[in-house]
N, C-alpha and C. Protein backbone atom coordinates (compact mmCIF):
# COMPACT_ATOMS: atom_id res chain seq x y z
N UNK A 1 0.63 5.65 -16.83
CA UNK A 1 1.41 6.33 -17.84
C UNK A 1 2.83 6.54 -17.35
N UNK A 2 3.74 6.42 -18.26
CA UNK A 2 5.14 6.63 -17.95
C UNK A 2 5.70 7.58 -19.00
N UNK A 3 6.27 8.70 -18.56
CA UNK A 3 6.80 9.72 -19.47
C UNK A 3 5.76 10.17 -20.49
N UNK A 4 4.50 10.29 -20.05
CA UNK A 4 3.44 10.76 -20.93
C UNK A 4 2.94 9.72 -21.91
N UNK A 5 3.45 8.50 -21.84
CA UNK A 5 3.02 7.44 -22.76
C UNK A 5 2.25 6.38 -21.97
N UNK A 6 1.20 5.89 -22.58
CA UNK A 6 0.43 4.82 -21.97
C UNK A 6 1.23 3.52 -22.09
N UNK A 7 1.35 2.82 -20.96
CA UNK A 7 2.05 1.55 -20.98
C UNK A 7 1.09 0.45 -21.42
N UNK A 8 1.61 -0.48 -22.17
CA UNK A 8 0.78 -1.60 -22.58
C UNK A 8 1.40 -2.89 -22.08
N UNK A 9 0.59 -3.91 -22.07
CA UNK A 9 1.04 -5.22 -21.63
C UNK A 9 0.31 -6.26 -22.45
N UNK A 10 0.91 -7.43 -22.54
CA UNK A 10 0.32 -8.51 -23.31
C UNK A 10 -0.55 -9.42 -22.45
N UNK A 11 -0.20 -9.55 -21.18
CA UNK A 11 -0.90 -10.46 -20.30
C UNK A 11 -0.93 -9.88 -18.89
N UNK A 12 -1.97 -10.23 -18.15
CA UNK A 12 -2.06 -9.80 -16.75
C UNK A 12 -0.87 -10.30 -15.95
N UNK A 13 -0.23 -11.37 -16.40
CA UNK A 13 0.91 -11.93 -15.68
C UNK A 13 2.11 -10.98 -15.66
N UNK A 14 2.08 -9.95 -16.46
CA UNK A 14 3.16 -8.96 -16.48
C UNK A 14 2.94 -7.85 -15.45
N UNK A 15 1.76 -7.76 -14.88
CA UNK A 15 1.41 -6.66 -13.98
C UNK A 15 1.99 -6.89 -12.59
N UNK A 16 2.66 -5.85 -12.08
CA UNK A 16 3.29 -5.96 -10.76
C UNK A 16 2.28 -6.24 -9.65
N UNK A 17 1.10 -5.60 -9.72
CA UNK A 17 0.14 -5.83 -8.65
C UNK A 17 -0.44 -7.24 -8.71
N UNK A 18 -0.55 -7.84 -9.87
CA UNK A 18 -0.98 -9.24 -9.96
C UNK A 18 0.12 -10.15 -9.38
N UNK A 19 1.37 -9.84 -9.70
CA UNK A 19 2.49 -10.63 -9.17
C UNK A 19 2.54 -10.56 -7.64
N UNK A 20 2.30 -9.35 -7.09
CA UNK A 20 2.31 -9.20 -5.64
C UNK A 20 1.20 -10.01 -4.99
N UNK A 21 0.02 -10.00 -5.58
CA UNK A 21 -1.09 -10.78 -5.05
C UNK A 21 -0.81 -12.28 -5.16
N UNK A 22 -0.09 -12.68 -6.19
CA UNK A 22 0.30 -14.08 -6.34
C UNK A 22 1.22 -14.49 -5.19
N UNK A 23 2.14 -13.61 -4.82
CA UNK A 23 3.03 -13.89 -3.69
C UNK A 23 2.24 -14.02 -2.39
N UNK A 24 1.25 -13.15 -2.21
CA UNK A 24 0.40 -13.23 -1.02
C UNK A 24 -0.35 -14.56 -1.01
N UNK A 25 -0.90 -14.94 -2.15
CA UNK A 25 -1.64 -16.20 -2.25
C UNK A 25 -0.75 -17.39 -1.89
N UNK A 26 0.46 -17.40 -2.39
CA UNK A 26 1.39 -18.50 -2.08
C UNK A 26 1.76 -18.52 -0.60
N UNK A 27 1.96 -17.35 -0.03
CA UNK A 27 2.28 -17.24 1.39
C UNK A 27 1.13 -17.80 2.24
N UNK A 28 -0.08 -17.42 1.91
CA UNK A 28 -1.25 -17.88 2.67
C UNK A 28 -1.40 -19.39 2.53
N UNK A 29 -1.22 -19.91 1.31
CA UNK A 29 -1.34 -21.35 1.09
C UNK A 29 -0.37 -22.12 1.97
N UNK A 30 0.84 -21.63 2.08
CA UNK A 30 1.85 -22.28 2.94
C UNK A 30 1.50 -22.10 4.41
N UNK A 31 1.09 -20.92 4.78
CA UNK A 31 0.80 -20.60 6.18
C UNK A 31 -0.32 -21.47 6.75
N UNK A 32 -1.40 -21.63 6.01
CA UNK A 32 -2.57 -22.33 6.56
C UNK A 32 -2.41 -23.84 6.65
N UNK A 33 -1.37 -24.37 6.04
CA UNK A 33 -1.14 -25.82 6.10
C UNK A 33 -0.89 -26.31 7.52
N UNK A 34 -0.45 -25.42 8.40
CA UNK A 34 -0.15 -25.83 9.77
C UNK A 34 -1.29 -25.50 10.75
N UNK A 35 -2.40 -25.00 10.23
CA UNK A 35 -3.54 -24.68 11.10
C UNK A 35 -4.15 -25.97 11.64
N UNK A 36 -4.77 -25.89 12.79
CA UNK A 36 -5.38 -27.10 13.37
C UNK A 36 -6.53 -27.63 12.51
N UNK A 37 -6.78 -28.89 12.67
CA UNK A 37 -7.80 -29.58 11.88
C UNK A 37 -9.17 -28.89 11.95
N UNK A 38 -9.54 -28.41 13.13
CA UNK A 38 -10.85 -27.79 13.28
C UNK A 38 -11.00 -26.48 12.50
N UNK A 39 -9.89 -25.91 12.07
CA UNK A 39 -9.93 -24.68 11.27
C UNK A 39 -9.85 -24.95 9.77
N UNK A 40 -9.69 -26.20 9.40
CA UNK A 40 -9.52 -26.55 7.98
C UNK A 40 -10.68 -26.03 7.12
N UNK A 41 -11.90 -26.14 7.62
CA UNK A 41 -13.06 -25.71 6.85
C UNK A 41 -13.66 -24.42 7.40
N UNK A 42 -12.90 -23.71 8.18
CA UNK A 42 -13.37 -22.45 8.75
C UNK A 42 -12.40 -21.33 8.34
N UNK A 43 -11.60 -20.89 9.27
CA UNK A 43 -10.70 -19.77 9.02
C UNK A 43 -9.72 -20.06 7.88
N UNK A 44 -9.12 -21.23 7.87
CA UNK A 44 -8.13 -21.54 6.82
C UNK A 44 -8.78 -21.54 5.44
N UNK A 45 -9.98 -22.09 5.34
CA UNK A 45 -10.68 -22.09 4.06
C UNK A 45 -11.05 -20.67 3.63
N UNK A 46 -11.49 -19.86 4.58
CA UNK A 46 -11.81 -18.45 4.27
C UNK A 46 -10.57 -17.72 3.76
N UNK A 47 -9.44 -17.98 4.39
CA UNK A 47 -8.19 -17.32 3.98
C UNK A 47 -7.77 -17.77 2.59
N UNK A 48 -7.91 -19.05 2.32
CA UNK A 48 -7.55 -19.57 1.00
C UNK A 48 -8.41 -18.91 -0.09
N UNK A 49 -9.72 -18.82 0.17
CA UNK A 49 -10.62 -18.23 -0.82
C UNK A 49 -10.35 -16.73 -1.01
N UNK A 50 -10.08 -16.02 0.08
CA UNK A 50 -9.79 -14.59 -0.03
C UNK A 50 -8.48 -14.36 -0.79
N UNK A 51 -7.47 -15.19 -0.51
CA UNK A 51 -6.18 -15.05 -1.20
C UNK A 51 -6.33 -15.32 -2.69
N UNK A 52 -7.09 -16.33 -3.03
CA UNK A 52 -7.32 -16.63 -4.45
C UNK A 52 -8.13 -15.55 -5.12
N UNK A 53 -9.04 -14.97 -4.38
CA UNK A 53 -9.90 -13.91 -4.92
C UNK A 53 -9.09 -12.70 -5.37
N UNK A 54 -7.97 -12.44 -4.71
CA UNK A 54 -7.18 -11.26 -5.07
C UNK A 54 -6.72 -11.33 -6.53
N UNK A 55 -6.16 -12.46 -6.93
CA UNK A 55 -5.69 -12.59 -8.32
C UNK A 55 -6.83 -12.83 -9.28
N UNK A 56 -7.83 -13.58 -8.85
CA UNK A 56 -8.97 -13.87 -9.74
C UNK A 56 -9.68 -12.59 -10.15
N UNK A 57 -9.89 -11.68 -9.21
CA UNK A 57 -10.60 -10.44 -9.52
C UNK A 57 -9.80 -9.53 -10.45
N UNK A 58 -8.50 -9.46 -10.23
CA UNK A 58 -7.66 -8.66 -11.13
C UNK A 58 -7.76 -9.21 -12.54
N UNK A 59 -7.65 -10.50 -12.67
CA UNK A 59 -7.69 -11.15 -13.98
C UNK A 59 -9.04 -10.97 -14.65
N UNK A 60 -10.11 -11.17 -13.90
CA UNK A 60 -11.44 -11.02 -14.48
C UNK A 60 -11.69 -9.58 -14.90
N UNK A 61 -11.27 -8.63 -14.07
CA UNK A 61 -11.45 -7.23 -14.41
C UNK A 61 -10.75 -6.84 -15.69
N UNK A 62 -9.56 -7.37 -15.89
CA UNK A 62 -8.82 -7.05 -17.11
C UNK A 62 -9.46 -7.68 -18.34
N UNK A 63 -10.27 -8.70 -18.13
CA UNK A 63 -10.98 -9.33 -19.24
C UNK A 63 -12.26 -8.61 -19.63
N UNK A 64 -12.64 -7.61 -18.85
CA UNK A 64 -13.85 -6.85 -19.15
C UNK A 64 -13.56 -5.78 -20.20
N UNK A 65 -14.60 -5.35 -20.86
CA UNK A 65 -14.43 -4.40 -21.96
C UNK A 65 -14.46 -2.94 -21.53
N UNK A 66 -15.05 -2.67 -20.39
CA UNK A 66 -15.18 -1.29 -19.97
C UNK A 66 -14.23 -1.00 -18.82
N UNK A 67 -13.58 0.15 -18.87
CA UNK A 67 -12.61 0.56 -17.87
C UNK A 67 -13.19 0.52 -16.46
N UNK A 68 -14.42 1.01 -16.29
CA UNK A 68 -15.01 1.07 -14.95
C UNK A 68 -15.27 -0.32 -14.37
N UNK A 69 -15.54 -1.29 -15.21
CA UNK A 69 -15.69 -2.67 -14.72
C UNK A 69 -14.35 -3.16 -14.18
N UNK A 70 -13.29 -2.86 -14.90
CA UNK A 70 -11.95 -3.25 -14.45
C UNK A 70 -11.65 -2.62 -13.10
N UNK A 71 -11.97 -1.35 -12.95
CA UNK A 71 -11.74 -0.65 -11.68
C UNK A 71 -12.50 -1.33 -10.55
N UNK A 72 -13.76 -1.69 -10.81
CA UNK A 72 -14.57 -2.34 -9.78
C UNK A 72 -13.96 -3.67 -9.34
N UNK A 73 -13.46 -4.46 -10.28
CA UNK A 73 -12.85 -5.74 -9.92
C UNK A 73 -11.55 -5.53 -9.15
N UNK A 74 -10.80 -4.48 -9.49
CA UNK A 74 -9.58 -4.18 -8.72
C UNK A 74 -9.93 -3.77 -7.30
N UNK A 75 -11.04 -3.05 -7.14
CA UNK A 75 -11.50 -2.69 -5.80
C UNK A 75 -11.92 -3.93 -5.01
N UNK A 76 -12.53 -4.89 -5.67
CA UNK A 76 -12.89 -6.13 -5.00
C UNK A 76 -11.63 -6.89 -4.57
N UNK A 77 -10.62 -6.86 -5.40
CA UNK A 77 -9.35 -7.50 -5.06
C UNK A 77 -8.75 -6.84 -3.81
N UNK A 78 -8.80 -5.52 -3.79
CA UNK A 78 -8.30 -4.78 -2.62
C UNK A 78 -9.10 -5.15 -1.37
N UNK A 79 -10.41 -5.31 -1.52
CA UNK A 79 -11.25 -5.72 -0.40
C UNK A 79 -10.85 -7.09 0.12
N UNK A 80 -10.51 -8.00 -0.78
CA UNK A 80 -10.06 -9.34 -0.37
C UNK A 80 -8.75 -9.26 0.39
N UNK A 81 -7.88 -8.35 0.00
CA UNK A 81 -6.62 -8.17 0.73
C UNK A 81 -6.88 -7.67 2.15
N UNK A 82 -7.83 -6.76 2.30
CA UNK A 82 -8.18 -6.28 3.64
C UNK A 82 -8.81 -7.40 4.47
N UNK A 83 -9.62 -8.23 3.83
CA UNK A 83 -10.19 -9.39 4.51
C UNK A 83 -9.08 -10.30 5.02
N UNK A 84 -8.05 -10.51 4.20
CA UNK A 84 -6.92 -11.34 4.60
C UNK A 84 -6.17 -10.74 5.79
N UNK A 85 -6.04 -9.44 5.82
CA UNK A 85 -5.36 -8.79 6.96
C UNK A 85 -6.11 -9.12 8.25
N UNK A 86 -7.43 -9.00 8.22
CA UNK A 86 -8.21 -9.32 9.41
C UNK A 86 -8.10 -10.80 9.78
N UNK A 87 -8.07 -11.67 8.79
CA UNK A 87 -7.95 -13.10 9.06
C UNK A 87 -6.57 -13.44 9.63
N UNK A 88 -5.55 -12.74 9.19
CA UNK A 88 -4.21 -12.95 9.75
C UNK A 88 -4.15 -12.45 11.19
N UNK A 89 -4.80 -11.33 11.46
CA UNK A 89 -4.88 -10.83 12.85
C UNK A 89 -5.60 -11.85 13.72
N UNK A 90 -6.71 -12.40 13.21
CA UNK A 90 -7.44 -13.44 13.94
C UNK A 90 -6.55 -14.65 14.18
N UNK A 91 -5.79 -15.03 13.17
CA UNK A 91 -4.88 -16.18 13.30
C UNK A 91 -3.85 -15.94 14.39
N UNK A 92 -3.33 -14.73 14.46
CA UNK A 92 -2.36 -14.40 15.50
C UNK A 92 -3.03 -14.42 16.87
N UNK A 93 -4.21 -13.82 16.96
CA UNK A 93 -4.94 -13.78 18.23
C UNK A 93 -5.30 -15.18 18.73
N UNK A 94 -5.60 -16.09 17.82
CA UNK A 94 -5.97 -17.46 18.18
C UNK A 94 -4.75 -18.35 18.43
N UNK A 95 -3.55 -17.82 18.15
CA UNK A 95 -2.33 -18.57 18.39
C UNK A 95 -1.95 -19.53 17.27
N UNK A 96 -2.55 -19.36 16.09
CA UNK A 96 -2.23 -20.25 14.96
C UNK A 96 -0.95 -19.84 14.25
N UNK A 97 -0.58 -18.57 14.40
CA UNK A 97 0.67 -18.10 13.80
C UNK A 97 1.45 -17.32 14.87
N UNK A 98 2.74 -17.26 14.65
CA UNK A 98 3.64 -16.54 15.56
C UNK A 98 3.77 -15.08 15.14
N UNK A 99 4.28 -14.28 16.02
CA UNK A 99 4.46 -12.86 15.74
C UNK A 99 5.29 -12.62 14.49
N UNK A 100 6.33 -13.44 14.27
CA UNK A 100 7.20 -13.24 13.11
C UNK A 100 6.53 -13.62 11.79
N UNK A 101 5.40 -14.34 11.86
CA UNK A 101 4.66 -14.69 10.65
C UNK A 101 3.56 -13.68 10.35
N UNK A 102 3.33 -12.80 11.29
CA UNK A 102 2.31 -11.78 11.15
C UNK A 102 2.76 -10.74 10.14
N UNK A 103 1.94 -10.46 9.18
CA UNK A 103 2.31 -9.52 8.11
C UNK A 103 2.08 -8.11 8.59
C-alpha cells in the first residue's frame, strides 16, 4: 500500500522484486559460463536452476488465486536466493570465482 491505497499492476514484469531476481538470474548465467567443465552438470547447473527458480516462483505465485498461495511461492523464491548465496560461497571457496565477483 502506498498512501493508504492498494497499488495495482498489470504484469509481474512491473514488480521490483521480480526485476531484481531477473538481474540475479542474468548475473548467475554470465558467472557460471567460466566454471570448469567438471562443474557444468554439478554446481553450475544447480546455480542455474536456483536462479531461474527465483523468478519462476514469483510468477507462478502471482498466477494463483489465493493470497496465501502467492505468499508461499514468494517464500520459495526467497529460499532459492538463499540457496544461491551458499552456492556462490562454495564457488568462492573452490576458486571458481574471485573475491570481487562474490556477492
